[in-house]
C-alpha cells in the first residue's frame, strides 16, 4: 500500500510528520509522501524542513518517506514558477490541488497544472476530456481520492481517464488519523468509482512507478 498525498501540521494536518508516518506504517503502508499545502508564502519554509524530516525518518528504514508538496489555490499563471521552485527545494512528488467541486479553485488550474512538471493532479473535479488527454500525453497521474467531498467526482475522473488512456493513482489526502484507511477500504472506494479489479491492481502499480521516479 502506497499513499502519495498526505498532510502534516506543517499545513492543515493534525499530526507531526513522525506520527503520520508511524500511523501509516502500522496500517500497512510501504511508502508515503508528505505533501503539505503551499503557495509562494510558505513554500521555502515547508519544503526544506520536510526534506530534513524525511531524511531522518528514512534512516529507520521501516517505511519510505518522500518529501513532497501540494500547490494549493495558486493562481494558474503562478504555477509554472512555483513548480520549478518546488523541485529546486527538493520536492520529489509535486501535487497540484485540482478543481474539486467542493472548493472555489480558480478555473484553469487543471489545465495549467497539466502543462507543468508535476506528478499528480489531485481531485480534479469535473475534469474535461481535453484535460484527461493532456494528462495521458504528459504522463501526469490523475487522482482518485478517498477524502470526503473531493471523492464526489471520482467516478467522472475514472471514466474520462480510462477513455483518454491517462494513468490513475489512489491517495487518501489524509489530514487526520482517521483519514488513513486500510487497503481493503481503498479497494472498495476504487471499485465504487467504477474501476475494475484489474484497474485497482494498476493503481498500485502506478503508485510504485511514482515511488521509483522519486527515488532517482
N, C-alpha and C. Protein backbone atom coordinates (compact mmCIF):
# COMPACT_ATOMS: atom_id res chain seq x y z
N UNK A 1 0.85 -1.19 0.00
CA UNK A 1 0.00 0.00 0.00
C UNK A 1 0.89 1.25 0.00
N UNK A 2 0.57 2.18 -0.87
CA UNK A 2 1.34 3.41 -1.05
C UNK A 2 0.37 4.59 -1.03
N UNK A 3 0.76 5.65 -0.34
CA UNK A 3 -0.08 6.84 -0.25
C UNK A 3 0.78 8.06 -0.58
N UNK A 4 0.47 8.73 -1.69
CA UNK A 4 1.34 9.81 -2.17
C UNK A 4 0.71 11.20 -2.04
N UNK A 5 -0.24 11.34 -1.13
CA UNK A 5 -0.87 12.64 -0.89
C UNK A 5 -1.38 12.66 0.55
N UNK A 6 -0.58 13.25 1.45
CA UNK A 6 -0.95 13.35 2.86
C UNK A 6 -0.48 14.70 3.40
N UNK A 7 -1.02 15.05 4.58
CA UNK A 7 -0.71 16.36 5.18
C UNK A 7 -0.35 16.22 6.65
N UNK A 8 0.62 17.01 7.07
CA UNK A 8 1.02 17.07 8.47
C UNK A 8 0.66 18.43 9.03
N UNK A 9 1.08 18.71 10.27
CA UNK A 9 0.76 20.01 10.84
C UNK A 9 1.62 21.14 10.27
N UNK A 10 2.46 20.81 9.29
CA UNK A 10 3.15 21.88 8.56
C UNK A 10 2.18 22.64 7.67
N UNK A 11 0.98 22.08 7.45
CA UNK A 11 -0.08 22.85 6.81
C UNK A 11 -1.34 22.67 7.65
N UNK A 12 -2.34 21.97 7.13
CA UNK A 12 -3.59 21.84 7.88
C UNK A 12 -3.84 20.42 8.38
N UNK A 13 -2.80 19.60 8.43
CA UNK A 13 -2.94 18.28 9.02
C UNK A 13 -2.86 18.34 10.54
N UNK A 14 -3.19 17.24 11.20
CA UNK A 14 -3.24 17.21 12.65
C UNK A 14 -2.01 16.59 13.30
N UNK A 15 -1.17 15.93 12.51
CA UNK A 15 -0.09 15.14 13.09
C UNK A 15 1.29 15.65 12.70
N UNK A 16 2.24 15.47 13.60
CA UNK A 16 3.65 15.65 13.23
C UNK A 16 4.00 14.66 12.13
N UNK A 17 4.96 15.00 11.26
CA UNK A 17 5.35 14.02 10.24
C UNK A 17 5.71 12.66 10.81
N UNK A 18 6.41 12.64 11.93
CA UNK A 18 6.82 11.35 12.51
C UNK A 18 5.61 10.51 12.94
N UNK A 19 4.58 11.15 13.49
CA UNK A 19 3.40 10.39 13.90
C UNK A 19 2.58 9.95 12.70
N UNK A 20 2.48 10.82 11.71
CA UNK A 20 1.78 10.45 10.48
C UNK A 20 2.42 9.22 9.86
N UNK A 21 3.74 9.22 9.78
CA UNK A 21 4.46 8.10 9.18
C UNK A 21 4.29 6.84 10.01
N UNK A 22 4.36 6.96 11.32
CA UNK A 22 4.21 5.79 12.19
C UNK A 22 2.82 5.18 12.04
N UNK A 23 1.80 6.01 12.02
CA UNK A 23 0.43 5.50 11.86
C UNK A 23 0.25 4.84 10.49
N UNK A 24 0.85 5.42 9.46
CA UNK A 24 0.76 4.81 8.12
C UNK A 24 1.46 3.46 8.10
N UNK A 25 2.60 3.38 8.76
CA UNK A 25 3.33 2.12 8.83
C UNK A 25 2.50 1.03 9.50
N UNK A 26 1.84 1.37 10.58
CA UNK A 26 1.08 0.39 11.36
C UNK A 26 -0.08 -0.20 10.56
N UNK A 27 -0.70 0.59 9.67
CA UNK A 27 -1.82 0.06 8.89
C UNK A 27 -1.37 -0.58 7.57
N UNK A 28 -0.05 -0.63 7.35
CA UNK A 28 0.44 -1.40 6.21
C UNK A 28 1.03 -0.62 5.06
N UNK A 29 1.21 0.69 5.20
CA UNK A 29 1.82 1.46 4.11
C UNK A 29 3.30 1.10 3.97
N UNK A 30 3.73 0.97 2.73
CA UNK A 30 5.15 0.72 2.45
C UNK A 30 5.88 2.00 2.06
N UNK A 31 5.12 2.98 1.56
CA UNK A 31 5.70 4.26 1.18
C UNK A 31 4.64 5.34 1.34
N UNK A 32 5.08 6.53 1.74
CA UNK A 32 4.16 7.64 1.93
C UNK A 32 4.86 8.93 1.51
N UNK A 33 4.13 9.80 0.84
CA UNK A 33 4.63 11.14 0.53
C UNK A 33 3.88 12.13 1.42
N UNK A 34 4.62 13.03 2.03
CA UNK A 34 4.01 14.10 2.82
C UNK A 34 3.99 15.34 1.94
N UNK A 35 2.79 15.79 1.61
CA UNK A 35 2.61 16.82 0.58
C UNK A 35 1.79 17.97 1.15
N UNK A 36 2.40 18.72 2.06
CA UNK A 36 1.65 19.79 2.71
C UNK A 36 1.30 20.91 1.73
N UNK A 37 0.22 21.62 2.06
CA UNK A 37 -0.26 22.71 1.22
C UNK A 37 0.76 23.86 1.20
N UNK A 38 0.95 24.43 0.02
CA UNK A 38 1.87 25.56 -0.08
C UNK A 38 1.49 26.47 -1.23
N UNK A 39 1.91 27.73 -1.09
CA UNK A 39 1.89 28.69 -2.19
C UNK A 39 3.18 29.50 -2.03
N UNK A 40 3.25 30.69 -2.60
CA UNK A 40 4.50 31.45 -2.53
C UNK A 40 4.82 31.95 -1.12
N UNK A 41 3.83 31.93 -0.23
CA UNK A 41 4.05 32.44 1.12
C UNK A 41 4.83 31.51 2.02
N UNK A 42 4.75 30.20 1.76
CA UNK A 42 5.35 29.25 2.70
C UNK A 42 6.18 28.15 2.05
N UNK A 43 6.29 28.15 0.74
CA UNK A 43 6.99 27.06 0.06
C UNK A 43 8.41 26.90 0.56
N UNK A 44 9.12 28.04 0.72
CA UNK A 44 10.52 27.97 1.14
C UNK A 44 10.68 27.68 2.63
N UNK A 45 9.59 27.71 3.37
CA UNK A 45 9.62 27.31 4.78
C UNK A 45 9.34 25.82 4.93
N UNK A 46 8.31 25.37 4.26
CA UNK A 46 7.85 23.99 4.43
C UNK A 46 8.83 22.97 3.84
N UNK A 47 9.23 23.19 2.60
CA UNK A 47 9.96 22.12 1.90
C UNK A 47 11.32 21.78 2.50
N UNK A 48 12.18 22.75 2.83
CA UNK A 48 13.46 22.35 3.42
C UNK A 48 13.30 21.55 4.71
N UNK A 49 12.30 21.89 5.51
CA UNK A 49 12.07 21.15 6.74
C UNK A 49 11.52 19.76 6.46
N UNK A 50 10.68 19.65 5.43
CA UNK A 50 10.14 18.34 5.08
C UNK A 50 11.23 17.44 4.52
N UNK A 51 12.11 17.99 3.72
CA UNK A 51 13.23 17.21 3.20
C UNK A 51 14.07 16.67 4.36
N UNK A 52 14.32 17.52 5.35
CA UNK A 52 15.14 17.11 6.51
C UNK A 52 14.45 16.02 7.31
N UNK A 53 13.16 16.19 7.62
CA UNK A 53 12.49 15.18 8.45
C UNK A 53 12.35 13.87 7.69
N UNK A 54 12.17 13.92 6.38
CA UNK A 54 12.10 12.67 5.60
C UNK A 54 13.44 11.95 5.62
N UNK A 55 14.52 12.70 5.54
CA UNK A 55 15.85 12.07 5.64
C UNK A 55 16.00 11.38 7.00
N UNK A 56 15.58 12.07 8.06
CA UNK A 56 15.69 11.49 9.40
C UNK A 56 14.85 10.22 9.53
N UNK A 57 13.61 10.28 9.05
CA UNK A 57 12.71 9.13 9.18
C UNK A 57 13.17 7.96 8.32
N UNK A 58 13.75 8.25 7.19
CA UNK A 58 14.20 7.17 6.30
C UNK A 58 15.41 6.42 6.85
N UNK A 59 16.11 7.00 7.80
CA UNK A 59 17.22 6.28 8.43
C UNK A 59 16.74 5.07 9.19
N UNK A 60 15.47 5.10 9.63
CA UNK A 60 14.91 3.96 10.35
C UNK A 60 14.59 2.80 9.42
N UNK A 61 14.33 3.10 8.15
CA UNK A 61 14.14 2.07 7.14
C UNK A 61 12.85 1.28 7.22
N UNK A 62 11.91 1.70 8.07
CA UNK A 62 10.68 0.93 8.21
C UNK A 62 9.70 1.19 7.06
N UNK A 63 9.72 2.39 6.55
CA UNK A 63 8.77 2.82 5.51
C UNK A 63 9.46 3.93 4.73
N UNK A 64 9.29 3.96 3.43
CA UNK A 64 9.88 5.01 2.62
C UNK A 64 9.05 6.28 2.76
N UNK A 65 9.69 7.38 3.13
CA UNK A 65 9.02 8.66 3.32
C UNK A 65 9.55 9.64 2.28
N UNK A 66 8.64 10.17 1.46
CA UNK A 66 9.02 11.00 0.32
C UNK A 66 8.61 12.45 0.58
N UNK A 67 9.55 13.39 0.45
CA UNK A 67 9.19 14.80 0.62
C UNK A 67 8.46 15.32 -0.61
N UNK A 68 7.29 15.91 -0.36
CA UNK A 68 6.52 16.44 -1.48
C UNK A 68 5.86 17.74 -1.11
N UNK A 69 4.99 18.21 -1.96
CA UNK A 69 4.26 19.46 -1.75
C UNK A 69 2.96 19.41 -2.54
N UNK A 70 1.93 20.08 -2.01
CA UNK A 70 0.70 20.26 -2.78
C UNK A 70 0.51 21.76 -2.98
N UNK A 71 0.70 22.24 -4.18
CA UNK A 71 0.47 23.65 -4.50
C UNK A 71 -1.03 23.87 -4.55
N UNK A 72 -1.51 24.78 -3.71
CA UNK A 72 -2.93 24.84 -3.39
C UNK A 72 -3.52 26.23 -3.59
N UNK A 73 -4.59 26.32 -4.38
CA UNK A 73 -5.27 27.59 -4.65
C UNK A 73 -4.30 28.65 -5.17
N UNK A 74 -3.31 28.19 -5.90
CA UNK A 74 -2.35 29.10 -6.52
C UNK A 74 -2.95 29.64 -7.82
N UNK A 75 -2.83 30.94 -8.10
CA UNK A 75 -3.31 31.44 -9.39
C UNK A 75 -2.66 30.64 -10.52
N UNK A 76 -3.43 30.21 -11.50
CA UNK A 76 -2.86 29.36 -12.56
C UNK A 76 -1.58 29.93 -13.19
N UNK A 77 -1.53 31.23 -13.39
CA UNK A 77 -0.35 31.83 -14.03
C UNK A 77 0.91 31.71 -13.19
N UNK A 78 0.74 31.50 -11.87
CA UNK A 78 1.90 31.39 -10.97
C UNK A 78 2.41 29.97 -10.85
N UNK A 79 1.66 29.01 -11.35
CA UNK A 79 2.05 27.60 -11.17
C UNK A 79 3.39 27.23 -11.79
N UNK A 80 3.71 27.64 -13.03
CA UNK A 80 4.98 27.20 -13.61
C UNK A 80 6.20 27.55 -12.76
N UNK A 81 6.26 28.78 -12.27
CA UNK A 81 7.41 29.18 -11.46
C UNK A 81 7.44 28.48 -10.11
N UNK A 82 6.29 28.29 -9.51
CA UNK A 82 6.24 27.62 -8.21
C UNK A 82 6.60 26.14 -8.32
N UNK A 83 6.18 25.50 -9.39
CA UNK A 83 6.56 24.10 -9.60
C UNK A 83 8.08 23.98 -9.73
N UNK A 84 8.68 24.87 -10.50
CA UNK A 84 10.14 24.85 -10.65
C UNK A 84 10.84 25.08 -9.32
N UNK A 85 10.31 26.02 -8.52
CA UNK A 85 10.91 26.30 -7.22
C UNK A 85 10.74 25.11 -6.27
N UNK A 86 9.60 24.45 -6.34
CA UNK A 86 9.39 23.26 -5.50
C UNK A 86 10.40 22.17 -5.83
N UNK A 87 10.64 21.96 -7.10
CA UNK A 87 11.66 20.98 -7.49
C UNK A 87 13.04 21.39 -6.98
N UNK A 88 13.37 22.68 -7.12
CA UNK A 88 14.67 23.16 -6.68
C UNK A 88 14.87 22.95 -5.18
N UNK A 89 13.80 23.11 -4.42
CA UNK A 89 13.87 22.97 -2.97
C UNK A 89 13.82 21.53 -2.48
N UNK A 90 13.65 20.59 -3.41
CA UNK A 90 13.75 19.18 -3.03
C UNK A 90 12.49 18.36 -3.06
N UNK A 91 11.39 18.89 -3.61
CA UNK A 91 10.16 18.10 -3.69
C UNK A 91 10.33 16.96 -4.67
N UNK A 92 10.12 15.75 -4.20
CA UNK A 92 10.21 14.56 -5.06
C UNK A 92 8.85 14.18 -5.64
N UNK A 93 7.79 14.63 -5.00
CA UNK A 93 6.43 14.46 -5.50
C UNK A 93 5.77 15.84 -5.50
N UNK A 94 5.40 16.32 -6.67
CA UNK A 94 4.71 17.61 -6.75
C UNK A 94 3.27 17.35 -7.14
N UNK A 95 2.38 17.77 -6.25
CA UNK A 95 0.94 17.63 -6.44
C UNK A 95 0.35 19.03 -6.63
N UNK A 96 -0.62 19.15 -7.51
CA UNK A 96 -1.38 20.40 -7.59
C UNK A 96 -2.81 20.12 -7.19
N UNK A 97 -3.34 20.99 -6.35
CA UNK A 97 -4.71 20.92 -5.86
C UNK A 97 -5.65 21.25 -7.02
N UNK A 98 -6.29 20.23 -7.54
CA UNK A 98 -7.14 20.39 -8.71
C UNK A 98 -8.46 21.06 -8.42
N UNK A 99 -9.29 21.17 -9.46
CA UNK A 99 -10.54 21.92 -9.40
C UNK A 99 -11.69 21.11 -8.78
N UNK A 100 -11.47 20.64 -7.56
CA UNK A 100 -12.51 19.94 -6.82
C UNK A 100 -13.79 20.76 -6.78
N UNK A 101 -14.92 20.08 -6.79
CA UNK A 101 -16.20 20.80 -6.79
C UNK A 101 -16.59 21.34 -5.42
N UNK A 102 -15.85 21.00 -4.37
CA UNK A 102 -16.21 21.45 -3.04
C UNK A 102 -15.37 22.63 -2.55
N UNK A 103 -14.52 23.17 -3.41
CA UNK A 103 -13.73 24.35 -3.07
C UNK A 103 -13.69 25.27 -4.29
N UNK A 104 -13.54 26.59 -4.06
CA UNK A 104 -13.54 27.55 -5.18
C UNK A 104 -12.17 27.70 -5.84
N UNK A 105 -11.65 26.60 -6.35
CA UNK A 105 -10.36 26.64 -7.04
C UNK A 105 -10.52 27.44 -8.34
N UNK A 106 -9.50 28.23 -8.67
CA UNK A 106 -9.58 29.09 -9.85
C UNK A 106 -9.75 28.26 -11.12
N UNK A 107 -10.71 28.64 -11.97
CA UNK A 107 -10.84 27.95 -13.26
C UNK A 107 -9.54 28.06 -14.05
N UNK A 108 -9.21 26.98 -14.73
CA UNK A 108 -7.96 26.95 -15.48
C UNK A 108 -6.82 26.30 -14.73
N UNK A 109 -7.03 26.01 -13.44
CA UNK A 109 -5.97 25.39 -12.64
C UNK A 109 -5.60 24.01 -13.19
N UNK A 110 -6.60 23.19 -13.50
CA UNK A 110 -6.30 21.84 -14.00
C UNK A 110 -5.41 21.90 -15.23
N UNK A 111 -5.81 22.69 -16.21
CA UNK A 111 -5.07 22.72 -17.48
C UNK A 111 -3.66 23.26 -17.28
N UNK A 112 -3.53 24.36 -16.54
CA UNK A 112 -2.21 24.94 -16.33
C UNK A 112 -1.30 23.98 -15.59
N UNK A 113 -1.85 23.30 -14.60
CA UNK A 113 -1.05 22.33 -13.84
C UNK A 113 -0.54 21.21 -14.75
N UNK A 114 -1.38 20.77 -15.66
CA UNK A 114 -1.01 19.68 -16.56
C UNK A 114 0.04 20.08 -17.59
N UNK A 115 0.30 21.36 -17.71
CA UNK A 115 1.35 21.85 -18.60
C UNK A 115 2.68 22.00 -17.86
N UNK A 116 2.66 21.77 -16.55
CA UNK A 116 3.86 21.92 -15.71
C UNK A 116 4.48 20.56 -15.39
N UNK A 117 5.65 20.61 -14.78
CA UNK A 117 6.38 19.40 -14.40
C UNK A 117 5.89 18.90 -13.05
N UNK A 118 4.65 18.39 -13.04
CA UNK A 118 4.08 17.85 -11.80
C UNK A 118 3.92 16.34 -11.92
N UNK A 119 3.64 15.72 -10.80
CA UNK A 119 3.44 14.26 -10.77
C UNK A 119 1.97 13.87 -10.70
N UNK A 120 1.20 14.61 -9.90
CA UNK A 120 -0.19 14.24 -9.64
C UNK A 120 -1.07 15.48 -9.68
N UNK A 121 -2.18 15.37 -10.41
CA UNK A 121 -3.24 16.38 -10.32
C UNK A 121 -4.29 15.82 -9.37
N UNK A 122 -4.36 16.42 -8.18
CA UNK A 122 -5.24 15.88 -7.14
C UNK A 122 -6.68 16.27 -7.37
N UNK A 123 -7.58 15.36 -7.00
CA UNK A 123 -9.03 15.58 -7.05
C UNK A 123 -9.43 16.64 -8.09
N UNK A 124 -9.31 16.31 -9.38
CA UNK A 124 -9.53 17.31 -10.43
C UNK A 124 -10.97 17.63 -10.75
N UNK A 125 -11.90 17.16 -9.94
CA UNK A 125 -13.30 17.57 -10.09
C UNK A 125 -13.90 17.19 -11.42
N UNK A 126 -14.57 18.13 -12.06
CA UNK A 126 -15.22 17.87 -13.34
C UNK A 126 -14.22 18.05 -14.48
N UNK A 127 -13.22 17.21 -14.43
CA UNK A 127 -12.17 17.15 -15.43
C UNK A 127 -12.77 17.10 -16.84
N UNK A 128 -12.15 17.82 -17.78
CA UNK A 128 -12.63 17.77 -19.16
C UNK A 128 -11.91 16.66 -19.92
N UNK A 129 -12.49 16.29 -21.05
CA UNK A 129 -11.86 15.28 -21.91
C UNK A 129 -10.49 15.76 -22.37
N UNK A 130 -10.40 17.04 -22.72
CA UNK A 130 -9.11 17.60 -23.16
C UNK A 130 -8.06 17.50 -22.06
N UNK A 131 -8.46 17.77 -20.83
CA UNK A 131 -7.52 17.69 -19.71
C UNK A 131 -7.09 16.26 -19.46
N UNK A 132 -8.01 15.33 -19.56
CA UNK A 132 -7.66 13.92 -19.37
C UNK A 132 -6.67 13.48 -20.45
N UNK A 133 -6.89 13.90 -21.68
CA UNK A 133 -5.97 13.57 -22.77
C UNK A 133 -4.60 14.17 -22.53
N UNK A 134 -4.57 15.41 -22.04
CA UNK A 134 -3.31 16.08 -21.75
C UNK A 134 -2.55 15.35 -20.65
N UNK A 135 -3.26 14.90 -19.64
CA UNK A 135 -2.62 14.12 -18.57
C UNK A 135 -1.99 12.85 -19.14
N UNK A 136 -2.71 12.19 -20.05
CA UNK A 136 -2.17 10.98 -20.66
C UNK A 136 -0.94 11.27 -21.50
N UNK A 137 -0.98 12.34 -22.26
CA UNK A 137 0.15 12.70 -23.13
C UNK A 137 1.39 13.06 -22.32
N UNK A 138 1.19 13.70 -21.18
CA UNK A 138 2.31 14.20 -20.38
C UNK A 138 2.67 13.26 -19.22
N UNK A 139 2.03 12.11 -19.16
CA UNK A 139 2.31 11.11 -18.14
C UNK A 139 2.18 11.69 -16.73
N UNK A 140 1.12 12.46 -16.54
CA UNK A 140 0.79 13.00 -15.22
C UNK A 140 -0.38 12.19 -14.67
N UNK A 141 -0.29 11.82 -13.41
CA UNK A 141 -1.28 10.93 -12.81
C UNK A 141 -2.47 11.71 -12.28
N UNK A 142 -3.65 11.25 -12.61
CA UNK A 142 -4.89 11.82 -12.10
C UNK A 142 -5.30 11.06 -10.84
N UNK A 143 -5.81 11.78 -9.88
CA UNK A 143 -6.06 11.17 -8.57
C UNK A 143 -7.51 10.72 -8.36
N UNK A 144 -7.63 9.49 -7.90
CA UNK A 144 -8.84 9.00 -7.27
C UNK A 144 -8.59 9.16 -5.77
N UNK A 145 -9.49 9.86 -5.09
CA UNK A 145 -9.24 10.19 -3.69
C UNK A 145 -10.25 9.53 -2.76
N UNK A 146 -9.77 9.21 -1.58
CA UNK A 146 -10.67 8.64 -0.57
C UNK A 146 -11.21 9.74 0.35
N UNK A 147 -10.82 10.98 0.12
CA UNK A 147 -11.22 12.06 1.02
C UNK A 147 -12.65 12.52 0.75
N UNK A 148 -13.39 12.70 1.83
CA UNK A 148 -14.78 13.14 1.73
C UNK A 148 -14.86 14.46 0.95
N UNK A 149 -15.94 14.62 0.23
CA UNK A 149 -16.11 15.84 -0.57
C UNK A 149 -15.38 15.74 -1.89
N UNK A 150 -14.08 15.69 -1.83
CA UNK A 150 -13.28 15.59 -3.05
C UNK A 150 -13.61 14.32 -3.84
N UNK A 151 -14.03 13.28 -3.13
CA UNK A 151 -14.29 11.99 -3.77
C UNK A 151 -15.60 11.96 -4.57
N UNK A 152 -16.39 13.01 -4.49
CA UNK A 152 -17.70 13.01 -5.16
C UNK A 152 -17.58 12.86 -6.67
N UNK A 153 -16.46 13.27 -7.25
CA UNK A 153 -16.30 13.17 -8.71
C UNK A 153 -15.36 12.04 -9.12
N UNK A 154 -15.06 11.12 -8.21
CA UNK A 154 -14.17 10.01 -8.55
C UNK A 154 -14.64 9.24 -9.78
N UNK A 155 -15.93 8.97 -9.87
CA UNK A 155 -16.45 8.21 -11.00
C UNK A 155 -16.21 8.92 -12.32
N UNK A 156 -16.45 10.21 -12.33
CA UNK A 156 -16.23 11.02 -13.54
C UNK A 156 -14.75 10.99 -13.93
N UNK A 157 -13.88 11.20 -12.96
CA UNK A 157 -12.43 11.21 -13.24
C UNK A 157 -11.98 9.86 -13.76
N UNK A 158 -12.43 8.79 -13.12
CA UNK A 158 -12.04 7.45 -13.55
C UNK A 158 -12.50 7.16 -14.97
N UNK A 159 -13.72 7.54 -15.29
CA UNK A 159 -14.27 7.29 -16.62
C UNK A 159 -13.48 8.02 -17.70
N UNK A 160 -13.23 9.32 -17.50
CA UNK A 160 -12.50 10.09 -18.52
C UNK A 160 -11.05 9.63 -18.63
N UNK A 161 -10.45 9.29 -17.51
CA UNK A 161 -9.06 8.82 -17.55
C UNK A 161 -8.94 7.54 -18.35
N UNK A 162 -9.86 6.62 -18.15
CA UNK A 162 -9.81 5.36 -18.88
C UNK A 162 -10.04 5.59 -20.38
N UNK A 163 -10.96 6.48 -20.71
CA UNK A 163 -11.23 6.78 -22.12
C UNK A 163 -10.02 7.43 -22.79
N UNK A 164 -9.30 8.26 -22.04
CA UNK A 164 -8.17 9.00 -22.61
C UNK A 164 -6.85 8.26 -22.49
N UNK A 165 -6.84 7.15 -21.78
CA UNK A 165 -5.60 6.42 -21.57
C UNK A 165 -4.67 7.09 -20.58
N UNK A 166 -5.24 7.88 -19.67
CA UNK A 166 -4.44 8.56 -18.64
C UNK A 166 -4.27 7.65 -17.43
N UNK A 167 -3.16 7.80 -16.75
CA UNK A 167 -2.89 6.99 -15.57
C UNK A 167 -3.60 7.55 -14.34
N UNK A 168 -4.05 6.64 -13.49
CA UNK A 168 -4.71 6.99 -12.24
C UNK A 168 -3.88 6.52 -11.06
N UNK A 169 -4.01 7.25 -9.96
CA UNK A 169 -3.40 6.82 -8.71
C UNK A 169 -4.40 7.11 -7.60
N UNK A 170 -4.42 6.26 -6.58
CA UNK A 170 -5.36 6.44 -5.47
C UNK A 170 -4.62 6.89 -4.23
N UNK A 171 -5.09 8.00 -3.63
CA UNK A 171 -4.47 8.55 -2.42
C UNK A 171 -5.56 8.89 -1.40
N UNK A 172 -5.13 9.07 -0.14
CA UNK A 172 -6.09 9.41 0.91
C UNK A 172 -6.28 10.91 1.10
N UNK A 173 -5.26 11.71 0.75
CA UNK A 173 -5.32 13.14 1.08
C UNK A 173 -5.55 13.29 2.58
N UNK A 174 -4.86 12.46 3.35
CA UNK A 174 -5.09 12.40 4.80
C UNK A 174 -4.69 13.69 5.49
N UNK A 175 -5.57 14.16 6.38
CA UNK A 175 -5.30 15.30 7.24
C UNK A 175 -5.32 14.90 8.71
N UNK A 176 -5.98 13.81 9.02
CA UNK A 176 -6.14 13.38 10.41
C UNK A 176 -5.98 11.86 10.48
N UNK A 177 -5.80 11.31 11.68
CA UNK A 177 -5.56 9.87 11.81
C UNK A 177 -6.64 9.01 11.15
N UNK A 178 -7.90 9.43 11.28
CA UNK A 178 -8.99 8.61 10.73
C UNK A 178 -9.02 8.62 9.20
N UNK A 179 -8.28 9.53 8.58
CA UNK A 179 -8.23 9.56 7.11
C UNK A 179 -7.35 8.45 6.53
N UNK A 180 -6.47 7.90 7.35
CA UNK A 180 -5.63 6.80 6.90
C UNK A 180 -6.44 5.52 6.96
N UNK A 181 -6.61 4.86 5.82
CA UNK A 181 -7.52 3.72 5.77
C UNK A 181 -6.82 2.47 5.29
N UNK A 182 -7.46 1.35 5.50
CA UNK A 182 -6.89 0.06 5.15
C UNK A 182 -6.87 -0.15 3.64
N UNK A 183 -6.07 -1.11 3.23
CA UNK A 183 -6.00 -1.47 1.82
C UNK A 183 -7.35 -1.96 1.32
N UNK A 184 -8.08 -2.66 2.17
CA UNK A 184 -9.40 -3.17 1.78
C UNK A 184 -10.39 -2.04 1.50
N UNK A 185 -10.37 -1.01 2.33
CA UNK A 185 -11.27 0.12 2.11
C UNK A 185 -10.86 0.91 0.87
N UNK A 186 -9.58 1.05 0.66
CA UNK A 186 -9.11 1.74 -0.55
C UNK A 186 -9.64 1.02 -1.80
N UNK A 187 -9.59 -0.31 -1.77
CA UNK A 187 -10.08 -1.09 -2.90
C UNK A 187 -11.57 -0.87 -3.12
N UNK A 188 -12.33 -0.84 -2.03
CA UNK A 188 -13.77 -0.63 -2.15
C UNK A 188 -14.09 0.74 -2.75
N UNK A 189 -13.35 1.76 -2.37
CA UNK A 189 -13.57 3.10 -2.90
C UNK A 189 -13.25 3.15 -4.38
N UNK A 190 -12.18 2.47 -4.78
CA UNK A 190 -11.81 2.42 -6.20
C UNK A 190 -12.88 1.69 -7.01
N UNK A 191 -13.38 0.58 -6.49
CA UNK A 191 -14.43 -0.15 -7.19
C UNK A 191 -15.71 0.69 -7.25
N UNK A 192 -15.96 1.44 -6.21
CA UNK A 192 -17.13 2.32 -6.19
C UNK A 192 -17.05 3.44 -7.20
N UNK A 193 -15.84 3.76 -7.64
CA UNK A 193 -15.65 4.78 -8.68
C UNK A 193 -15.83 4.20 -10.08
N UNK A 194 -16.14 2.91 -10.15
CA UNK A 194 -16.38 2.28 -11.45
C UNK A 194 -15.18 1.57 -12.02
N UNK A 195 -14.12 1.44 -11.23
CA UNK A 195 -12.93 0.73 -11.71
C UNK A 195 -13.12 -0.78 -11.54
N UNK A 196 -12.42 -1.53 -12.35
CA UNK A 196 -12.47 -2.99 -12.29
C UNK A 196 -11.37 -3.50 -11.37
N UNK A 197 -11.43 -4.77 -10.95
CA UNK A 197 -10.34 -5.32 -10.14
C UNK A 197 -8.97 -5.18 -10.80
N UNK A 198 -8.90 -5.33 -12.12
CA UNK A 198 -7.61 -5.16 -12.80
C UNK A 198 -7.17 -3.70 -12.77
N UNK A 199 -8.13 -2.77 -12.84
CA UNK A 199 -7.81 -1.35 -12.71
C UNK A 199 -7.25 -1.05 -11.32
N UNK A 200 -7.85 -1.68 -10.32
CA UNK A 200 -7.40 -1.47 -8.94
C UNK A 200 -5.96 -1.92 -8.78
N UNK A 201 -5.63 -3.04 -9.36
CA UNK A 201 -4.24 -3.53 -9.32
C UNK A 201 -3.30 -2.54 -9.99
N UNK A 202 -3.77 -1.94 -11.08
CA UNK A 202 -2.95 -0.97 -11.81
C UNK A 202 -2.70 0.29 -11.00
N UNK A 203 -3.65 0.65 -10.14
CA UNK A 203 -3.45 1.81 -9.27
C UNK A 203 -2.19 1.65 -8.42
N UNK A 204 -2.02 0.48 -7.86
CA UNK A 204 -0.84 0.22 -7.04
C UNK A 204 0.42 0.21 -7.89
N UNK A 205 0.33 -0.35 -9.07
CA UNK A 205 1.49 -0.35 -9.98
C UNK A 205 1.88 1.08 -10.34
N UNK A 206 0.88 1.92 -10.58
CA UNK A 206 1.16 3.31 -10.90
C UNK A 206 1.83 4.03 -9.74
N UNK A 207 1.36 3.75 -8.53
CA UNK A 207 1.97 4.36 -7.35
C UNK A 207 3.43 3.94 -7.23
N UNK A 208 3.70 2.68 -7.54
CA UNK A 208 5.08 2.20 -7.46
C UNK A 208 5.97 2.89 -8.50
N UNK A 209 5.41 3.18 -9.66
CA UNK A 209 6.17 3.92 -10.67
C UNK A 209 6.57 5.29 -10.16
N UNK A 210 5.65 5.95 -9.50
CA UNK A 210 5.95 7.27 -8.95
C UNK A 210 6.97 7.18 -7.83
N UNK A 211 6.91 6.14 -7.02
CA UNK A 211 7.90 5.95 -5.96
C UNK A 211 9.28 5.75 -6.57
N UNK A 212 9.37 4.95 -7.60
CA UNK A 212 10.67 4.72 -8.24
C UNK A 212 11.22 6.00 -8.86
N UNK A 213 10.33 6.78 -9.45
CA UNK A 213 10.75 8.08 -10.01
C UNK A 213 11.28 8.98 -8.89
N UNK A 214 10.61 8.97 -7.74
CA UNK A 214 11.02 9.81 -6.63
C UNK A 214 12.36 9.39 -6.05
N UNK A 215 12.70 8.13 -6.18
CA UNK A 215 13.99 7.63 -5.68
C UNK A 215 15.16 8.16 -6.49
N UNK A 216 14.92 8.51 -7.75
CA UNK A 216 16.01 8.92 -8.65
C UNK A 216 16.58 10.28 -8.26
